N, C-alpha and C. Protein backbone atom coordinates (compact mmCIF):
# COMPACT_ATOMS: atom_id res chain seq x y z
N MET A 1 71.45 103.32 121.12
CA MET A 1 72.46 102.31 121.36
C MET A 1 73.39 102.16 120.15
N THR A 2 72.83 102.19 118.96
CA THR A 2 73.66 102.04 117.77
C THR A 2 74.58 103.24 117.57
N LYS A 3 74.10 104.45 117.84
CA LYS A 3 74.93 105.64 117.67
C LYS A 3 76.13 105.61 118.62
N TYR A 4 75.91 105.14 119.86
CA TYR A 4 77.01 105.07 120.81
C TYR A 4 78.09 104.11 120.30
N THR A 5 77.67 102.97 119.78
CA THR A 5 78.63 102.00 119.27
C THR A 5 79.37 102.56 118.06
N ARG A 6 78.66 103.26 117.20
CA ARG A 6 79.29 103.83 116.01
C ARG A 6 80.32 104.89 116.42
N ILE A 7 79.97 105.74 117.38
CA ILE A 7 80.91 106.77 117.84
C ILE A 7 82.11 106.13 118.51
N GLU A 8 81.87 105.08 119.30
CA GLU A 8 82.95 104.40 119.99
C GLU A 8 83.90 103.74 119.00
N SER A 9 83.37 103.10 117.97
CA SER A 9 84.24 102.45 116.99
C SER A 9 85.00 103.48 116.16
N ASN A 10 84.37 104.61 115.81
CA ASN A 10 85.07 105.66 115.07
C ASN A 10 86.19 106.25 115.90
N SER A 11 85.98 106.38 117.21
CA SER A 11 87.02 106.90 118.09
C SER A 11 88.23 105.96 118.10
N TYR A 12 87.95 104.66 118.13
CA TYR A 12 89.04 103.68 118.12
C TYR A 12 89.84 103.78 116.82
N PHE A 13 89.15 103.92 115.69
CA PHE A 13 89.84 104.01 114.42
C PHE A 13 90.64 105.30 114.31
N LEU A 14 90.14 106.38 114.88
CA LEU A 14 90.90 107.64 114.87
C LEU A 14 92.15 107.52 115.72
N GLU A 15 92.05 106.81 116.84
CA GLU A 15 93.23 106.60 117.69
C GLU A 15 94.27 105.76 116.97
N MET A 16 93.85 104.85 116.14
CA MET A 16 94.79 104.02 115.38
C MET A 16 95.37 104.78 114.19
N LEU A 17 94.64 105.79 113.71
CA LEU A 17 95.10 106.52 112.53
C LEU A 17 96.33 107.37 112.82
N ILE A 18 96.42 107.90 114.02
CA ILE A 18 97.53 108.80 114.36
C ILE A 18 98.89 108.10 114.26
N PRO A 19 99.10 106.93 114.88
CA PRO A 19 100.40 106.27 114.71
C PRO A 19 100.68 105.84 113.27
N ILE A 20 99.62 105.45 112.56
CA ILE A 20 99.80 105.05 111.17
C ILE A 20 100.23 106.25 110.33
N LEU A 21 99.63 107.41 110.57
CA LEU A 21 100.02 108.62 109.84
C LEU A 21 101.46 109.02 110.15
N VAL A 22 101.85 108.90 111.41
CA VAL A 22 103.23 109.23 111.80
C VAL A 22 104.20 108.30 111.08
N PHE A 23 103.87 107.01 111.06
CA PHE A 23 104.72 106.04 110.38
C PHE A 23 104.75 106.31 108.88
N ASP A 24 103.61 106.68 108.31
CA ASP A 24 103.54 107.00 106.89
C ASP A 24 104.40 108.22 106.53
N VAL A 25 104.35 109.23 107.36
CA VAL A 25 105.17 110.43 107.12
C VAL A 25 106.65 110.06 107.19
N ALA A 26 107.01 109.20 108.14
CA ALA A 26 108.41 108.75 108.22
C ALA A 26 108.81 107.97 106.97
N LEU A 27 107.92 107.13 106.48
CA LEU A 27 108.23 106.37 105.26
C LEU A 27 108.39 107.29 104.05
N VAL A 28 107.53 108.28 103.94
CA VAL A 28 107.63 109.22 102.81
C VAL A 28 108.92 110.04 102.91
N ALA A 29 109.29 110.45 104.12
CA ALA A 29 110.53 111.20 104.29
C ALA A 29 111.73 110.34 103.91
N TRP A 30 111.71 109.08 104.31
CA TRP A 30 112.80 108.17 103.96
C TRP A 30 112.83 107.95 102.45
N SER A 31 111.65 107.83 101.85
CA SER A 31 111.56 107.66 100.40
C SER A 31 112.17 108.86 99.67
N LEU A 32 111.83 110.06 100.12
CA LEU A 32 112.40 111.26 99.49
C LEU A 32 113.91 111.32 99.67
N HIS A 33 114.39 110.90 100.83
CA HIS A 33 115.83 110.87 101.08
C HIS A 33 116.52 109.89 100.12
N LEU A 34 115.92 108.71 99.95
CA LEU A 34 116.50 107.73 99.02
C LEU A 34 116.51 108.26 97.60
N MET A 35 115.42 108.93 97.21
CA MET A 35 115.35 109.46 95.85
C MET A 35 116.35 110.59 95.63
N GLN A 36 116.58 111.40 96.66
CA GLN A 36 117.58 112.46 96.54
C GLN A 36 118.98 111.87 96.39
N GLN A 37 119.26 110.83 97.18
CA GLN A 37 120.56 110.16 97.04
C GLN A 37 120.70 109.54 95.65
N ALA A 38 119.62 108.97 95.14
CA ALA A 38 119.67 108.37 93.81
C ALA A 38 119.94 109.42 92.75
N PHE A 39 119.34 110.57 92.91
CA PHE A 39 119.57 111.64 91.93
C PHE A 39 121.01 112.15 92.00
N ASN A 40 121.51 112.30 93.22
CA ASN A 40 122.89 112.80 93.39
C ASN A 40 123.93 111.80 92.87
N GLN A 41 123.69 110.51 93.12
CA GLN A 41 124.66 109.49 92.72
C GLN A 41 124.37 108.89 91.35
N ARG A 42 123.26 109.32 90.74
CA ARG A 42 122.83 108.79 89.44
C ARG A 42 122.72 107.27 89.47
N GLU A 43 122.02 106.77 90.47
CA GLU A 43 121.89 105.33 90.65
C GLU A 43 120.42 104.93 90.61
N PHE A 44 120.11 104.01 89.71
CA PHE A 44 118.73 103.62 89.49
C PHE A 44 118.16 102.81 90.64
N SER A 45 118.99 102.00 91.28
CA SER A 45 118.49 101.10 92.33
C SER A 45 117.96 101.89 93.53
N LEU A 46 118.61 103.00 93.87
CA LEU A 46 118.10 103.82 94.97
C LEU A 46 116.79 104.50 94.60
N MET A 47 116.65 104.88 93.35
CA MET A 47 115.39 105.48 92.90
C MET A 47 114.27 104.45 92.96
N LEU A 48 114.58 103.23 92.57
CA LEU A 48 113.59 102.16 92.65
C LEU A 48 113.23 101.87 94.10
N ALA A 49 114.21 101.85 94.98
CA ALA A 49 113.94 101.62 96.40
C ALA A 49 113.07 102.73 96.98
N GLY A 50 113.36 103.98 96.63
CA GLY A 50 112.54 105.09 97.11
C GLY A 50 111.12 105.01 96.60
N SER A 51 110.96 104.60 95.36
CA SER A 51 109.61 104.46 94.80
C SER A 51 108.84 103.34 95.50
N LEU A 52 109.53 102.25 95.79
CA LEU A 52 108.86 101.14 96.49
C LEU A 52 108.47 101.52 97.92
N VAL A 53 109.30 102.29 98.59
CA VAL A 53 108.97 102.75 99.94
C VAL A 53 107.76 103.68 99.91
N ALA A 54 107.73 104.58 98.94
CA ALA A 54 106.59 105.48 98.81
C ALA A 54 105.32 104.71 98.48
N LEU A 55 105.42 103.70 97.62
CA LEU A 55 104.28 102.87 97.28
C LEU A 55 103.77 102.09 98.49
N SER A 56 104.67 101.62 99.32
CA SER A 56 104.25 100.88 100.52
C SER A 56 103.55 101.80 101.51
N ALA A 57 103.99 103.06 101.60
CA ALA A 57 103.31 104.01 102.49
C ALA A 57 101.89 104.27 102.00
N ALA A 58 101.73 104.43 100.70
CA ALA A 58 100.38 104.64 100.15
C ALA A 58 99.52 103.40 100.33
N ALA A 59 100.09 102.23 100.12
CA ALA A 59 99.34 100.98 100.27
C ALA A 59 98.90 100.77 101.71
N MET A 60 99.73 101.18 102.66
CA MET A 60 99.36 101.02 104.06
C MET A 60 98.14 101.87 104.39
N LEU A 61 98.06 103.08 103.87
CA LEU A 61 96.89 103.92 104.10
C LEU A 61 95.65 103.34 103.43
N VAL A 62 95.80 102.82 102.23
CA VAL A 62 94.65 102.21 101.53
C VAL A 62 94.12 101.02 102.32
N VAL A 63 95.02 100.18 102.79
CA VAL A 63 94.60 99.02 103.58
C VAL A 63 93.93 99.46 104.87
N TYR A 64 94.46 100.49 105.52
CA TYR A 64 93.84 100.97 106.76
C TYR A 64 92.39 101.40 106.51
N PHE A 65 92.17 102.19 105.45
CA PHE A 65 90.81 102.67 105.20
C PHE A 65 89.88 101.55 104.75
N LEU A 66 90.39 100.56 104.03
CA LEU A 66 89.56 99.42 103.65
C LEU A 66 89.16 98.60 104.87
N VAL A 67 90.12 98.34 105.76
CA VAL A 67 89.82 97.58 106.97
C VAL A 67 88.87 98.35 107.86
N GLU A 68 89.07 99.66 107.98
CA GLU A 68 88.16 100.48 108.79
C GLU A 68 86.74 100.39 108.26
N ASN A 69 86.60 100.48 106.95
CA ASN A 69 85.29 100.43 106.33
C ASN A 69 84.64 99.05 106.57
N CYS A 70 85.40 98.00 106.40
CA CYS A 70 84.85 96.64 106.61
C CYS A 70 84.47 96.41 108.06
N LEU A 71 85.34 96.80 108.99
CA LEU A 71 85.03 96.58 110.40
C LEU A 71 83.87 97.45 110.88
N THR A 72 83.77 98.66 110.38
CA THR A 72 82.64 99.52 110.73
C THR A 72 81.35 98.92 110.21
N SER A 73 81.38 98.40 109.01
CA SER A 73 80.21 97.75 108.43
C SER A 73 79.81 96.52 109.23
N LEU A 74 80.80 95.70 109.60
CA LEU A 74 80.51 94.51 110.40
C LEU A 74 79.97 94.87 111.77
N THR A 75 80.55 95.89 112.38
CA THR A 75 80.09 96.32 113.71
C THR A 75 78.64 96.81 113.65
N ASN A 76 78.31 97.55 112.61
CA ASN A 76 76.95 98.07 112.49
C ASN A 76 75.93 96.97 112.20
N THR A 77 76.32 95.93 111.48
CA THR A 77 75.38 94.85 111.20
C THR A 77 75.21 93.93 112.39
N LEU A 78 76.24 93.79 113.21
CA LEU A 78 76.14 92.91 114.37
C LEU A 78 75.37 93.54 115.52
N VAL A 79 75.37 94.86 115.58
CA VAL A 79 74.70 95.55 116.70
C VAL A 79 73.27 95.75 116.41
């Protein structure tokens, strides 16, 4: 019974990971675009914006894995 619940919850998290990864790739692409514009125009604010966008993409993945770990732990203790 516990293995079935664990497999079911992992499947749910994998289904949620795909849209998050797609969104993350889009954020990184946008970040690189901003940084390229900053380099071409020699403008610091665009470089800062690109860095912040890249940081937010990384933070979103970190939060996803932390939440997955917490919810998996809670699910396993409740079952």
